[in-house]
């Protein structure tokens, strides 16, 4: 099964160029067996730009999560700290085999109604 994630364009680019090895989330998918993440780059791009295999999910207290991922986080500590402010737990999806699509795909072509998910959306 795949999941569609909305990701800021600069972070989508960092994932797809191989410099960002983790995608951080406040909440994680409920279903087991998610093998692939499809990347929707939010506005101003507004397209599905690539995908990556899920190499696992790390779930830890934010301080421990940063220590585990900081070398290849692809974000600053201040952004990380602000993002997880007030949270007891954070999640990091391990990026494996990132692939940039040759032609970005319109969201309407992938899901009915073409509305980007706030957090994530399961897709086939």
Protein backbone atom coordinates (compact mmCIF):
# COMPACT_ATOMS: atom_id res chain seq x y z
CA UNK A 1 0.00 0.00 0.00
CA UNK A 2 1.04 3.59 -0.65
CA UNK A 3 0.43 6.81 1.20
CA UNK A 4 0.30 10.32 -0.26
CA UNK A 5 2.06 12.99 1.81
CA UNK A 6 1.91 16.75 1.36
CA UNK A 7 5.46 18.06 1.67
CA UNK A 8 6.82 21.59 1.26
CA UNK A 9 8.64 21.93 -2.09
CA UNK A 10 12.06 22.60 -0.56
CA UNK A 11 11.81 19.44 1.56
CA UNK A 12 10.47 17.40 -1.36
CA UNK A 13 13.52 18.49 -3.39
CA UNK A 14 15.88 17.57 -0.55
CA UNK A 15 14.30 14.12 -0.28
CA UNK A 16 14.46 13.54 -4.01
CA UNK A 17 18.07 14.74 -4.35
CA UNK A 18 19.10 12.35 -1.56
CA UNK A 19 20.18 14.91 1.05
CA UNK A 20 17.17 14.52 3.39
CA UNK A 21 16.92 10.97 4.73
CA UNK A 22 13.93 11.46 7.04
CA UNK A 23 10.45 12.91 6.67
CA UNK A 24 9.19 14.13 10.04
CA UNK A 25 5.57 13.82 11.12
CA UNK A 26 3.52 14.63 14.21
CA UNK A 27 1.21 11.73 13.37
CA UNK A 28 1.87 8.54 11.49
CA UNK A 29 -0.28 6.24 9.40
CA UNK A 30 -2.55 3.86 11.30
CA UNK A 31 -2.42 1.01 8.79
CA UNK A 32 0.42 -1.48 8.64
CA UNK A 33 2.13 -2.41 5.41
CA UNK A 34 2.80 1.06 4.00
CA UNK A 35 5.67 0.43 1.61
CA UNK A 36 5.83 3.60 -0.44
CA UNK A 37 5.31 7.34 0.05
CA UNK A 38 4.10 9.39 -2.91
CA UNK A 39 5.18 13.04 -2.61
CA UNK A 40 2.80 15.90 -3.30
CA UNK A 41 4.86 19.11 -3.33
CA UNK A 42 2.62 21.81 -1.90
CA UNK A 43 2.12 25.23 -3.47
CA UNK A 44 3.53 26.93 -5.40
CA UNK A 45 4.44 23.60 -7.12
CA UNK A 46 1.10 21.87 -6.50
CA UNK A 47 2.07 18.59 -8.20
CA UNK A 48 2.95 15.01 -7.35
CA UNK A 49 6.70 15.04 -7.96
CA UNK A 50 8.10 11.70 -6.85
CA UNK A 51 8.08 8.85 -4.38
CA UNK A 52 10.25 6.85 -2.02
CA UNK A 53 10.24 3.49 -0.28
CA UNK A 54 9.57 3.46 3.45
CA UNK A 55 12.72 2.20 5.15
CA UNK A 56 11.01 2.13 8.54
CA UNK A 57 9.49 4.57 10.99
CA UNK A 58 11.20 5.88 14.11
CA UNK A 59 8.89 6.91 16.97
CA UNK A 60 10.59 8.69 19.88
CA UNK A 61 10.39 11.67 22.18
CA UNK A 62 11.43 14.70 20.10
CA UNK A 63 14.79 15.16 21.85
CA UNK A 64 15.75 11.53 21.19
CA UNK A 65 14.35 11.69 17.67
CA UNK A 66 16.61 14.65 16.85
CA UNK A 67 19.67 12.87 18.25
CA UNK A 68 18.88 9.82 16.11
CA UNK A 69 18.24 11.73 12.86
CA UNK A 70 20.09 15.08 12.99
CA UNK A 71 22.93 14.07 10.66
CA UNK A 72 20.57 13.62 7.70
CA UNK A 73 17.46 15.44 8.94
CA UNK A 74 17.50 17.95 6.10
CA UNK A 75 16.05 20.61 8.42
CA UNK A 76 17.47 22.91 11.07
CA UNK A 77 17.21 22.17 14.77
CA UNK A 78 15.14 25.34 15.27
CA UNK A 79 12.61 24.20 12.63
CA UNK A 80 12.52 20.71 14.19
CA UNK A 81 12.06 22.14 17.68
CA UNK A 82 9.27 24.46 16.56
CA UNK A 83 7.51 21.70 14.60
CA UNK A 84 7.44 19.29 17.56
CA UNK A 85 6.83 21.94 20.24
CA UNK A 86 4.53 20.60 22.96
CA UNK A 87 4.63 17.03 21.59
CA UNK A 88 5.54 13.98 23.66
CA UNK A 89 6.34 11.91 20.58
CA UNK A 90 7.51 12.49 17.05
CA UNK A 91 7.89 10.29 14.01
CA UNK A 92 10.55 10.07 11.32
CA UNK A 93 9.89 8.10 8.15
CA UNK A 94 13.16 6.72 6.78
CA UNK A 95 13.56 7.63 3.11
CA UNK A 96 14.81 4.79 0.92
CA UNK A 97 15.27 4.81 -2.87
CA UNK A 98 13.88 8.28 -3.65
CA UNK A 99 12.67 8.67 -7.23
CA UNK A 100 11.81 11.97 -8.93
CA UNK A 101 9.17 11.70 -11.64
CA UNK A 102 10.28 12.87 -15.08
CA UNK A 103 6.94 14.63 -15.45
CA UNK A 104 5.13 15.89 -12.31
CA UNK A 105 1.57 14.59 -12.04
CA UNK A 106 -1.54 16.66 -11.35
CA UNK A 107 -3.24 15.68 -8.10
CA UNK A 108 -6.54 15.25 -9.98
CA UNK A 109 -4.92 12.45 -11.99
CA UNK A 110 -4.08 10.54 -8.82
CA UNK A 111 -7.01 11.02 -6.47
CA UNK A 112 -10.66 11.93 -6.93
CA UNK A 113 -11.42 15.60 -6.18
CA UNK A 114 -7.70 16.45 -6.26
CA UNK A 115 -7.64 17.88 -2.74
CA UNK A 116 -4.26 17.61 -1.05
CA UNK A 117 -4.23 15.79 2.29
CA UNK A 118 -3.53 17.79 5.45
CA UNK A 119 -1.46 14.96 6.84
CA UNK A 120 -1.63 11.84 4.67
CA UNK A 121 -3.98 9.84 2.48
CA UNK A 122 -3.92 6.15 1.58
CA UNK A 123 -3.80 5.40 -2.15
CA UNK A 124 -3.58 2.28 -4.29
